[in-house]
N, C-alpha and C. Protein backbone atom coordinates (compact mmCIF):
# COMPACT_ATOMS: atom_id res chain seq x y z
N MET A 1 15.40 -9.67 -0.31
CA MET A 1 14.17 -9.18 -0.90
C MET A 1 13.39 -10.37 -1.45
N ALA A 2 12.12 -10.42 -1.15
CA ALA A 2 11.27 -11.49 -1.68
C ALA A 2 11.19 -11.35 -3.20
N GLU A 3 11.08 -12.47 -3.86
CA GLU A 3 11.06 -12.47 -5.33
C GLU A 3 9.67 -12.12 -5.85
N ILE A 4 9.62 -11.36 -6.93
CA ILE A 4 8.36 -10.96 -7.53
C ILE A 4 8.19 -11.71 -8.85
N GLY A 5 7.00 -12.28 -9.05
CA GLY A 5 6.68 -12.92 -10.32
C GLY A 5 7.56 -14.09 -10.68
N VAL A 6 8.00 -14.87 -9.69
CA VAL A 6 8.87 -16.00 -9.97
C VAL A 6 8.14 -17.32 -9.79
N ARG A 7 7.37 -17.42 -8.71
CA ARG A 7 6.68 -18.67 -8.42
C ARG A 7 5.31 -18.70 -9.09
N ALA A 8 4.98 -19.83 -9.65
CA ALA A 8 3.66 -20.01 -10.26
C ALA A 8 2.68 -20.44 -9.19
N ARG A 9 1.43 -20.09 -9.38
CA ARG A 9 0.37 -20.54 -8.49
C ARG A 9 -0.86 -20.79 -9.35
N GLY A 10 -1.25 -22.01 -9.46
CA GLY A 10 -2.39 -22.37 -10.29
C GLY A 10 -3.69 -21.80 -9.75
N LEU A 11 -4.63 -21.61 -10.63
CA LEU A 11 -5.97 -21.15 -10.26
C LEU A 11 -6.98 -22.12 -10.85
N PRO A 12 -8.12 -22.30 -10.20
CA PRO A 12 -9.14 -23.21 -10.74
C PRO A 12 -9.51 -22.81 -12.17
N GLY A 13 -9.65 -23.81 -13.02
CA GLY A 13 -10.11 -23.57 -14.38
C GLY A 13 -9.03 -23.27 -15.40
N LEU A 14 -7.77 -23.16 -14.97
CA LEU A 14 -6.69 -22.89 -15.92
C LEU A 14 -6.13 -24.19 -16.46
N PRO A 15 -5.77 -24.22 -17.75
CA PRO A 15 -5.05 -25.40 -18.25
C PRO A 15 -3.73 -25.56 -17.50
N LYS A 16 -3.30 -26.76 -17.31
CA LYS A 16 -2.11 -27.06 -16.52
C LYS A 16 -0.89 -26.27 -17.00
N GLU A 17 -0.70 -26.19 -18.34
CA GLU A 17 0.47 -25.48 -18.87
C GLU A 17 0.39 -23.98 -18.59
N HIS A 18 -0.80 -23.43 -18.46
CA HIS A 18 -0.94 -22.01 -18.12
C HIS A 18 -0.72 -21.78 -16.63
N ALA A 19 -1.20 -22.70 -15.82
CA ALA A 19 -1.05 -22.58 -14.37
C ALA A 19 0.42 -22.62 -13.96
N ALA A 20 1.29 -23.21 -14.78
CA ALA A 20 2.71 -23.32 -14.46
C ALA A 20 3.47 -22.01 -14.71
N ILE A 21 2.82 -21.03 -15.35
CA ILE A 21 3.46 -19.75 -15.66
C ILE A 21 3.21 -18.78 -14.50
N PRO A 22 4.25 -18.13 -13.96
CA PRO A 22 4.03 -17.16 -12.88
C PRO A 22 3.11 -16.02 -13.34
N VAL A 23 2.26 -15.58 -12.44
CA VAL A 23 1.31 -14.51 -12.72
C VAL A 23 1.99 -13.18 -12.45
N TRP A 24 1.94 -12.27 -13.41
CA TRP A 24 2.55 -10.95 -13.26
C TRP A 24 1.90 -10.20 -12.10
N ASN A 25 2.70 -9.60 -11.25
CA ASN A 25 2.26 -8.76 -10.15
C ASN A 25 1.28 -9.47 -9.23
N SER A 26 1.47 -10.75 -9.04
CA SER A 26 0.63 -11.53 -8.15
C SER A 26 1.54 -12.45 -7.35
N GLU A 27 2.20 -11.87 -6.38
CA GLU A 27 3.24 -12.57 -5.64
C GLU A 27 2.66 -13.66 -4.75
N ASP A 28 3.46 -14.66 -4.51
CA ASP A 28 3.07 -15.79 -3.68
C ASP A 28 3.90 -15.78 -2.39
N TRP A 29 4.05 -14.59 -1.80
CA TRP A 29 4.86 -14.44 -0.59
C TRP A 29 4.07 -14.89 0.63
N TYR A 30 4.80 -15.47 1.56
CA TYR A 30 4.25 -15.81 2.87
C TYR A 30 4.93 -14.94 3.91
N PHE A 31 4.43 -15.00 5.14
CA PHE A 31 4.98 -14.20 6.24
C PHE A 31 6.49 -14.35 6.32
N GLU A 32 6.97 -15.57 6.14
CA GLU A 32 8.40 -15.84 6.24
C GLU A 32 9.21 -15.11 5.18
N ASP A 33 8.60 -14.76 4.06
CA ASP A 33 9.31 -14.12 2.95
C ASP A 33 9.52 -12.62 3.15
N PHE A 34 8.74 -11.99 4.01
CA PHE A 34 8.88 -10.55 4.23
C PHE A 34 10.06 -10.30 5.16
N GLN A 35 11.02 -9.53 4.68
CA GLN A 35 12.20 -9.21 5.47
C GLN A 35 12.16 -7.74 5.88
N VAL A 36 12.26 -7.49 7.18
CA VAL A 36 12.28 -6.12 7.68
C VAL A 36 13.46 -5.38 7.04
N GLY A 37 13.20 -4.19 6.55
CA GLY A 37 14.22 -3.37 5.91
C GLY A 37 14.19 -3.43 4.39
N ASP A 38 13.58 -4.48 3.81
CA ASP A 38 13.48 -4.55 2.35
C ASP A 38 12.70 -3.35 1.82
N GLN A 39 13.12 -2.83 0.67
CA GLN A 39 12.46 -1.69 0.04
C GLN A 39 12.26 -1.96 -1.45
N ILE A 40 11.21 -1.37 -1.99
CA ILE A 40 11.02 -1.34 -3.44
C ILE A 40 10.65 0.08 -3.82
N ARG A 41 10.99 0.46 -5.06
CA ARG A 41 10.64 1.79 -5.58
C ARG A 41 9.79 1.58 -6.82
N SER A 42 8.76 2.39 -6.93
CA SER A 42 7.85 2.28 -8.06
C SER A 42 8.39 3.03 -9.28
N ILE A 43 7.71 2.86 -10.38
CA ILE A 43 7.94 3.73 -11.53
C ILE A 43 7.35 5.10 -11.19
N ARG A 44 7.66 6.11 -12.01
CA ARG A 44 7.08 7.44 -11.80
C ARG A 44 5.77 7.55 -12.58
N ARG A 45 4.93 8.51 -12.15
CA ARG A 45 3.64 8.71 -12.78
C ARG A 45 3.24 10.16 -12.67
N THR A 46 2.90 10.78 -13.79
CA THR A 46 2.46 12.17 -13.80
C THR A 46 0.95 12.21 -13.65
N ILE A 47 0.47 13.09 -12.78
CA ILE A 47 -0.97 13.20 -12.52
C ILE A 47 -1.59 14.20 -13.49
N ALA A 48 -2.53 13.73 -14.27
CA ALA A 48 -3.17 14.55 -15.31
C ALA A 48 -4.44 15.23 -14.79
N GLU A 49 -4.79 16.31 -15.47
CA GLU A 49 -6.00 17.09 -15.16
C GLU A 49 -7.26 16.23 -15.17
N GLY A 50 -7.44 15.46 -16.24
CA GLY A 50 -8.67 14.69 -16.40
C GLY A 50 -8.88 13.66 -15.31
N GLU A 51 -7.83 12.93 -14.97
CA GLU A 51 -7.99 11.90 -13.95
C GLU A 51 -8.21 12.52 -12.57
N SER A 52 -7.61 13.67 -12.34
CA SER A 52 -7.81 14.35 -11.07
C SER A 52 -9.27 14.78 -10.92
N MET A 53 -9.82 15.37 -11.96
CA MET A 53 -11.22 15.80 -11.91
C MET A 53 -12.17 14.61 -11.87
N LEU A 54 -11.83 13.53 -12.57
CA LEU A 54 -12.67 12.33 -12.52
C LEU A 54 -12.71 11.77 -11.11
N PHE A 55 -11.55 11.71 -10.44
CA PHE A 55 -11.52 11.25 -9.06
C PHE A 55 -12.40 12.15 -8.18
N ASN A 56 -12.25 13.47 -8.33
CA ASN A 56 -13.06 14.40 -7.54
C ASN A 56 -14.54 14.12 -7.73
N SER A 57 -14.94 13.89 -8.98
CA SER A 57 -16.35 13.63 -9.26
C SER A 57 -16.80 12.29 -8.68
N LEU A 58 -15.97 11.27 -8.79
CA LEU A 58 -16.34 9.95 -8.28
C LEU A 58 -16.54 9.96 -6.77
N VAL A 59 -15.73 10.71 -6.05
CA VAL A 59 -15.83 10.71 -4.59
C VAL A 59 -16.56 11.94 -4.04
N MET A 60 -17.08 12.76 -4.96
CA MET A 60 -17.83 13.97 -4.59
C MET A 60 -16.99 14.96 -3.77
N ASP A 61 -15.72 15.09 -4.11
CA ASP A 61 -14.85 16.06 -3.46
C ASP A 61 -14.74 17.27 -4.40
N HIS A 62 -15.57 18.26 -4.13
CA HIS A 62 -15.57 19.45 -4.98
C HIS A 62 -15.15 20.69 -4.19
N HIS A 63 -14.22 20.47 -3.29
CA HIS A 63 -13.65 21.60 -2.56
C HIS A 63 -12.99 22.53 -3.58
N PRO A 64 -13.11 23.84 -3.41
CA PRO A 64 -12.54 24.76 -4.40
C PRO A 64 -11.03 24.60 -4.62
N TYR A 65 -10.32 24.10 -3.63
CA TYR A 65 -8.88 23.92 -3.82
C TYR A 65 -8.55 22.83 -4.83
N VAL A 66 -9.48 21.87 -5.05
CA VAL A 66 -9.22 20.79 -5.99
C VAL A 66 -10.05 20.86 -7.26
N SER A 67 -11.11 21.69 -7.27
CA SER A 67 -11.97 21.67 -8.45
C SER A 67 -12.27 23.03 -9.07
N ASP A 68 -11.86 24.12 -8.43
CA ASP A 68 -12.16 25.46 -8.95
C ASP A 68 -10.85 26.19 -9.24
N ASP A 69 -10.45 26.20 -10.51
CA ASP A 69 -9.17 26.78 -10.90
C ASP A 69 -9.09 28.27 -10.56
N MET A 70 -10.17 29.01 -10.82
CA MET A 70 -10.16 30.46 -10.56
C MET A 70 -9.99 30.73 -9.07
N PHE A 71 -10.73 30.00 -8.24
CA PHE A 71 -10.59 30.18 -6.80
C PHE A 71 -9.17 29.86 -6.35
N ALA A 72 -8.67 28.71 -6.80
CA ALA A 72 -7.34 28.27 -6.38
C ALA A 72 -6.27 29.29 -6.76
N ARG A 73 -6.36 29.86 -7.97
CA ARG A 73 -5.36 30.83 -8.43
C ARG A 73 -5.50 32.18 -7.72
N GLU A 74 -6.74 32.63 -7.53
CA GLU A 74 -6.97 33.99 -7.02
C GLU A 74 -7.07 34.08 -5.50
N GLU A 75 -7.59 33.05 -4.86
CA GLU A 75 -7.80 33.12 -3.42
C GLU A 75 -7.10 32.01 -2.63
N GLY A 76 -6.63 31.00 -3.31
CA GLY A 76 -6.03 29.86 -2.62
C GLY A 76 -4.65 30.15 -2.08
N VAL A 77 -4.28 29.47 -1.06
CA VAL A 77 -2.99 29.62 -0.40
C VAL A 77 -1.83 29.22 -1.32
N PHE A 78 -2.06 28.25 -2.21
CA PHE A 78 -0.98 27.70 -3.04
C PHE A 78 -0.91 28.33 -4.43
N GLY A 79 -1.89 29.15 -4.80
CA GLY A 79 -1.88 29.83 -6.08
C GLY A 79 -2.23 28.96 -7.28
N ARG A 80 -2.59 27.73 -7.03
CA ARG A 80 -3.06 26.81 -8.09
C ARG A 80 -3.79 25.64 -7.45
N ARG A 81 -4.46 24.88 -8.29
CA ARG A 81 -5.29 23.79 -7.82
C ARG A 81 -4.46 22.61 -7.32
N LEU A 82 -4.92 22.01 -6.25
CA LEU A 82 -4.30 20.82 -5.67
C LEU A 82 -4.90 19.55 -6.27
N VAL A 83 -4.16 18.47 -6.20
CA VAL A 83 -4.72 17.14 -6.42
C VAL A 83 -5.24 16.69 -5.05
N ALA A 84 -6.44 16.14 -5.01
CA ALA A 84 -7.03 15.69 -3.74
C ALA A 84 -6.09 14.73 -3.03
N GLY A 85 -5.93 14.94 -1.72
CA GLY A 85 -5.04 14.09 -0.94
C GLY A 85 -5.41 12.62 -1.02
N ALA A 86 -6.71 12.32 -1.03
CA ALA A 86 -7.15 10.92 -1.11
C ALA A 86 -6.70 10.29 -2.43
N PHE A 87 -6.64 11.11 -3.51
CA PHE A 87 -6.20 10.59 -4.80
C PHE A 87 -4.69 10.34 -4.78
N VAL A 88 -3.94 11.24 -4.18
CA VAL A 88 -2.49 11.04 -4.06
C VAL A 88 -2.21 9.78 -3.24
N PHE A 89 -2.97 9.59 -2.17
CA PHE A 89 -2.84 8.39 -1.34
C PHE A 89 -3.11 7.14 -2.17
N SER A 90 -4.21 7.14 -2.91
CA SER A 90 -4.58 5.99 -3.73
C SER A 90 -3.54 5.70 -4.81
N LEU A 91 -3.13 6.73 -5.52
CA LEU A 91 -2.13 6.53 -6.57
C LEU A 91 -0.80 6.08 -5.98
N GLY A 92 -0.37 6.73 -4.92
CA GLY A 92 0.92 6.42 -4.31
C GLY A 92 0.99 4.98 -3.83
N LEU A 93 -0.06 4.51 -3.16
CA LEU A 93 -0.05 3.13 -2.70
C LEU A 93 -0.16 2.18 -3.88
N GLY A 94 -0.98 2.52 -4.86
CA GLY A 94 -1.14 1.67 -6.03
C GLY A 94 0.14 1.48 -6.80
N LEU A 95 0.98 2.52 -6.83
CA LEU A 95 2.24 2.41 -7.56
C LEU A 95 3.16 1.34 -6.99
N ALA A 96 3.12 1.13 -5.68
CA ALA A 96 4.04 0.17 -5.06
C ALA A 96 3.32 -1.00 -4.39
N ALA A 97 2.01 -1.06 -4.56
CA ALA A 97 1.26 -2.16 -3.95
C ALA A 97 1.57 -3.46 -4.67
N THR A 98 1.52 -4.53 -3.94
CA THR A 98 1.69 -5.84 -4.54
C THR A 98 0.35 -6.57 -4.44
N ASN A 99 0.16 -7.52 -5.27
CA ASN A 99 -1.04 -8.34 -5.23
C ASN A 99 -0.68 -9.70 -4.64
N CYS A 100 -0.17 -9.65 -3.45
CA CYS A 100 0.28 -10.87 -2.78
C CYS A 100 -0.93 -11.73 -2.43
N LEU A 101 -0.91 -12.96 -2.90
CA LEU A 101 -2.05 -13.85 -2.73
C LEU A 101 -2.23 -14.34 -1.30
N ASN A 102 -1.25 -14.10 -0.43
CA ASN A 102 -1.32 -14.61 0.94
C ASN A 102 -1.38 -13.51 1.99
N SER A 103 -1.57 -12.26 1.58
CA SER A 103 -1.64 -11.18 2.57
C SER A 103 -2.93 -10.40 2.39
N PHE A 104 -3.35 -9.78 3.49
CA PHE A 104 -4.64 -9.11 3.54
C PHE A 104 -4.52 -7.81 4.31
N SER A 105 -5.14 -6.76 3.81
CA SER A 105 -5.06 -5.46 4.46
C SER A 105 -5.73 -5.50 5.83
N TYR A 106 -5.09 -4.86 6.80
CA TYR A 106 -5.57 -4.81 8.18
C TYR A 106 -5.90 -3.36 8.56
N GLY A 107 -5.39 -2.39 7.79
CA GLY A 107 -5.67 -0.99 8.05
C GLY A 107 -4.47 -0.11 7.75
N TYR A 108 -4.62 1.16 8.03
CA TYR A 108 -3.55 2.14 7.77
C TYR A 108 -3.34 3.00 9.02
N ASP A 109 -2.12 3.43 9.22
CA ASP A 109 -1.74 4.31 10.33
C ASP A 109 -0.88 5.44 9.80
N ARG A 110 -0.80 6.50 10.58
CA ARG A 110 0.17 7.58 10.37
C ARG A 110 0.11 8.22 8.98
N LEU A 111 -1.09 8.35 8.42
CA LEU A 111 -1.24 9.00 7.13
C LEU A 111 -0.99 10.50 7.30
N ARG A 112 -0.04 11.03 6.52
CA ARG A 112 0.31 12.45 6.59
C ARG A 112 0.45 13.02 5.19
N PHE A 113 -0.18 14.17 4.95
CA PHE A 113 -0.02 14.91 3.70
C PHE A 113 1.04 15.97 3.97
N ILE A 114 2.24 15.74 3.53
CA ILE A 114 3.39 16.55 3.92
C ILE A 114 3.59 17.75 3.01
N LYS A 115 3.46 17.56 1.72
CA LYS A 115 3.60 18.65 0.73
C LYS A 115 2.42 18.59 -0.22
N PRO A 116 1.95 19.73 -0.70
CA PRO A 116 0.85 19.70 -1.66
C PRO A 116 1.31 19.10 -2.99
N VAL A 117 0.40 18.39 -3.64
CA VAL A 117 0.64 17.83 -4.97
C VAL A 117 -0.29 18.55 -5.93
N PHE A 118 0.26 18.98 -7.07
CA PHE A 118 -0.50 19.75 -8.04
C PHE A 118 -0.68 18.97 -9.33
N ILE A 119 -1.69 19.33 -10.09
CA ILE A 119 -1.90 18.73 -11.41
C ILE A 119 -0.62 18.95 -12.22
N GLY A 120 -0.15 17.89 -12.84
CA GLY A 120 1.09 17.95 -13.61
C GLY A 120 2.31 17.47 -12.84
N ASP A 121 2.19 17.31 -11.50
CA ASP A 121 3.31 16.78 -10.73
C ASP A 121 3.50 15.30 -11.06
N THR A 122 4.73 14.85 -10.94
CA THR A 122 5.07 13.45 -11.16
C THR A 122 5.42 12.84 -9.80
N ILE A 123 4.81 11.69 -9.50
CA ILE A 123 5.04 11.05 -8.20
C ILE A 123 5.64 9.66 -8.39
N TYR A 124 6.28 9.18 -7.34
CA TYR A 124 6.74 7.80 -7.24
C TYR A 124 6.73 7.42 -5.77
N THR A 125 6.80 6.13 -5.49
CA THR A 125 6.64 5.63 -4.13
C THR A 125 7.79 4.70 -3.76
N ILE A 126 8.21 4.81 -2.51
CA ILE A 126 9.14 3.84 -1.93
C ILE A 126 8.39 3.13 -0.81
N ARG A 127 8.36 1.82 -0.92
CA ARG A 127 7.70 0.96 0.07
C ARG A 127 8.78 0.26 0.87
N LYS A 128 8.63 0.24 2.20
CA LYS A 128 9.64 -0.40 3.06
C LYS A 128 8.96 -1.27 4.11
N ASN A 129 9.47 -2.49 4.29
CA ASN A 129 8.98 -3.38 5.34
C ASN A 129 9.56 -2.90 6.67
N LEU A 130 8.68 -2.51 7.59
CA LEU A 130 9.13 -1.94 8.87
C LEU A 130 9.18 -2.93 10.02
N HIS A 131 8.19 -3.81 10.10
CA HIS A 131 8.06 -4.65 11.30
C HIS A 131 7.23 -5.87 10.96
N LYS A 132 7.48 -6.95 11.65
CA LYS A 132 6.64 -8.14 11.53
C LYS A 132 6.59 -8.85 12.87
N GLU A 133 5.44 -9.47 13.14
CA GLU A 133 5.25 -10.20 14.39
C GLU A 133 4.22 -11.30 14.21
N VAL A 134 4.29 -12.29 15.07
CA VAL A 134 3.29 -13.35 15.07
C VAL A 134 1.97 -12.73 15.50
N HIS A 135 0.91 -13.08 14.80
CA HIS A 135 -0.41 -12.52 15.12
C HIS A 135 -1.33 -13.59 15.69
N ASN A 136 -1.51 -14.69 14.98
CA ASN A 136 -2.34 -15.79 15.46
C ASN A 136 -1.80 -17.10 14.89
N GLU A 137 -2.60 -18.15 14.93
CA GLU A 137 -2.10 -19.48 14.53
C GLU A 137 -1.92 -19.63 13.02
N THR A 138 -2.53 -18.76 12.23
CA THR A 138 -2.45 -18.92 10.77
C THR A 138 -1.75 -17.77 10.06
N MET A 139 -1.66 -16.60 10.73
CA MET A 139 -1.10 -15.41 10.07
C MET A 139 -0.25 -14.57 11.00
N GLY A 140 0.75 -13.92 10.39
CA GLY A 140 1.54 -12.93 11.08
C GLY A 140 1.06 -11.53 10.68
N LYS A 141 1.49 -10.53 11.44
CA LYS A 141 1.12 -9.16 11.14
C LYS A 141 2.36 -8.39 10.67
N LEU A 142 2.17 -7.55 9.65
CA LEU A 142 3.25 -6.77 9.06
C LEU A 142 2.92 -5.29 9.13
N ARG A 143 3.95 -4.46 9.17
CA ARG A 143 3.81 -3.00 9.07
C ARG A 143 4.75 -2.57 7.95
N VAL A 144 4.19 -1.89 6.95
CA VAL A 144 4.92 -1.47 5.76
C VAL A 144 4.71 0.02 5.57
N SER A 145 5.76 0.77 5.25
CA SER A 145 5.59 2.21 5.01
C SER A 145 5.52 2.47 3.51
N TYR A 146 4.76 3.50 3.18
CA TYR A 146 4.69 4.03 1.81
C TYR A 146 5.06 5.50 1.89
N SER A 147 6.17 5.86 1.28
CA SER A 147 6.60 7.26 1.18
C SER A 147 6.41 7.68 -0.27
N VAL A 148 5.52 8.65 -0.49
CA VAL A 148 5.22 9.11 -1.84
C VAL A 148 5.98 10.41 -2.06
N PHE A 149 6.80 10.43 -3.10
CA PHE A 149 7.62 11.59 -3.43
C PHE A 149 7.07 12.24 -4.70
N LYS A 150 7.29 13.55 -4.81
CA LYS A 150 6.87 14.24 -6.03
C LYS A 150 8.08 14.84 -6.72
N ASN A 151 7.97 14.94 -8.03
CA ASN A 151 8.97 15.56 -8.89
C ASN A 151 10.36 15.01 -8.63
N GLU A 152 11.26 15.81 -8.11
CA GLU A 152 12.65 15.36 -7.96
C GLU A 152 13.01 14.94 -6.54
N GLY A 153 12.05 14.31 -5.85
CA GLY A 153 12.38 13.73 -4.56
C GLY A 153 11.84 14.45 -3.33
N GLU A 154 10.87 15.34 -3.49
CA GLU A 154 10.25 15.98 -2.31
C GLU A 154 9.20 15.03 -1.76
N ILE A 155 9.27 14.72 -0.46
CA ILE A 155 8.26 13.84 0.11
C ILE A 155 6.93 14.59 0.18
N ALA A 156 5.88 13.93 -0.30
CA ALA A 156 4.56 14.55 -0.35
C ALA A 156 3.58 13.86 0.59
N LEU A 157 3.75 12.56 0.81
CA LEU A 157 2.79 11.80 1.62
C LEU A 157 3.52 10.64 2.28
N TYR A 158 3.08 10.30 3.49
CA TYR A 158 3.62 9.15 4.20
C TYR A 158 2.45 8.41 4.84
N ALA A 159 2.47 7.09 4.77
CA ALA A 159 1.47 6.27 5.43
C ALA A 159 2.08 4.92 5.77
N GLU A 160 1.53 4.29 6.79
CA GLU A 160 1.94 2.94 7.14
C GLU A 160 0.75 2.00 6.94
N HIS A 161 1.00 0.91 6.26
CA HIS A 161 -0.01 -0.09 5.97
C HIS A 161 0.18 -1.27 6.91
N LEU A 162 -0.88 -1.65 7.58
CA LEU A 162 -0.87 -2.83 8.42
C LEU A 162 -1.51 -3.95 7.62
N LEU A 163 -0.89 -5.11 7.61
CA LEU A 163 -1.48 -6.23 6.90
C LEU A 163 -1.12 -7.53 7.59
N THR A 164 -1.88 -8.53 7.27
CA THR A 164 -1.58 -9.87 7.76
C THR A 164 -1.08 -10.70 6.58
N ALA A 165 -0.28 -11.70 6.88
CA ALA A 165 0.22 -12.61 5.86
C ALA A 165 0.19 -14.03 6.40
N SER A 166 -0.27 -14.95 5.59
CA SER A 166 -0.33 -16.36 5.98
C SER A 166 1.08 -16.91 6.19
N TYR A 167 1.18 -17.85 7.11
CA TYR A 167 2.44 -18.57 7.30
C TYR A 167 2.56 -19.65 6.24
N ARG A 168 3.73 -19.86 5.74
CA ARG A 168 3.99 -21.00 4.86
C ARG A 168 3.93 -22.28 5.70
N ASN A 169 4.52 -22.20 6.91
CA ASN A 169 4.57 -23.34 7.83
C ASN A 169 4.00 -22.90 9.19
N PRO A 170 2.68 -22.99 9.35
CA PRO A 170 2.05 -22.53 10.60
C PRO A 170 2.62 -23.20 11.86
N ALA A 171 3.05 -24.43 11.75
CA ALA A 171 3.59 -25.12 12.92
C ALA A 171 4.80 -24.40 13.51
N ASP A 172 5.57 -23.70 12.65
CA ASP A 172 6.75 -22.98 13.13
C ASP A 172 6.37 -21.83 14.07
N PHE A 173 5.12 -21.38 14.02
CA PHE A 173 4.70 -20.21 14.81
C PHE A 173 3.63 -20.57 15.85
N ALA A 174 3.27 -21.84 15.95
CA ALA A 174 2.16 -22.27 16.81
C ALA A 174 2.40 -21.93 18.28
N GLU A 175 3.59 -22.20 18.79
CA GLU A 175 3.85 -21.95 20.21
C GLU A 175 3.77 -20.47 20.54
N GLU A 176 4.41 -19.65 19.72
CA GLU A 176 4.35 -18.20 19.97
C GLU A 176 2.93 -17.67 19.81
N ALA A 177 2.17 -18.20 18.87
CA ALA A 177 0.78 -17.77 18.67
C ALA A 177 -0.05 -18.12 19.90
N ARG A 178 0.16 -19.32 20.48
CA ARG A 178 -0.58 -19.70 21.69
C ARG A 178 -0.23 -18.78 22.85
N LYS A 179 1.05 -18.44 23.00
CA LYS A 179 1.47 -17.53 24.08
C LYS A 179 0.79 -16.17 23.92
N ARG A 180 0.77 -15.65 22.70
CA ARG A 180 0.13 -14.36 22.44
C ARG A 180 -1.36 -14.42 22.75
N GLN A 181 -2.01 -15.51 22.34
CA GLN A 181 -3.44 -15.66 22.59
C GLN A 181 -3.72 -15.72 24.09
N ASN A 182 -2.90 -16.44 24.83
CA ASN A 182 -3.07 -16.53 26.28
C ASN A 182 -2.90 -15.18 26.95
N GLN A 183 -2.00 -14.34 26.44
CA GLN A 183 -1.81 -13.00 26.99
C GLN A 183 -3.03 -12.12 26.74
N LYS A 184 -3.74 -12.37 25.64
CA LYS A 184 -4.91 -11.56 25.28
C LYS A 184 -6.16 -11.96 26.08
N GLU A 185 -6.23 -13.23 26.51
CA GLU A 185 -7.41 -13.71 27.22
C GLU A 185 -7.42 -13.13 28.64
N PRO A 186 -8.58 -12.66 29.09
CA PRO A 186 -8.66 -12.12 30.46
C PRO A 186 -8.53 -13.24 31.50
N ALA A 187 -7.95 -12.88 32.63
CA ALA A 187 -7.79 -13.85 33.71
C ALA A 187 -9.17 -14.24 34.23
N ARG A 188 -9.35 -15.52 34.49
CA ARG A 188 -10.63 -16.02 35.00
C ARG A 188 -10.45 -16.38 36.48
N GLY A 189 -11.42 -16.00 37.24
CA GLY A 189 -11.21 -16.32 38.64
C GLY A 189 -12.38 -16.34 39.42
């Protein structure tokens, strides 16, 4: 497992003695540090009424299932109001996201809302490194899963995050990167 909050990384404008202190939740991992199969689990978090409604208002999601308690109780399939899926996605990823200084989001795949999440439910996330490959001369590509569970371990959401990560030693990947690039270029004739 790559180490979290161990290596220091200076930033412009910091006094030298401050730059030597590792930054909390700001990992300095490179492509080489990500190991397929590594997992982390987040802390748990209970979703409150106010934050759910604030999210709905911010994104203009006023579907009756997420914002109308009377409708949800009397006419809704679940008998109570849901937390918006986009909010569960955001919270779930945020719980286990890292602020790695050398990786960049490339997109998301396979997002699934498996079980409904309700106001008052408690969620936590398990993040797992699924796959890594050489992408180009400066970065590799990673696939990471986020499984968001509610209450006592019911899976509620699943998504895969695609990201790139810089190489610590680009020369180690140069030959494979050139081969991949040549495969991508159309034949000229």
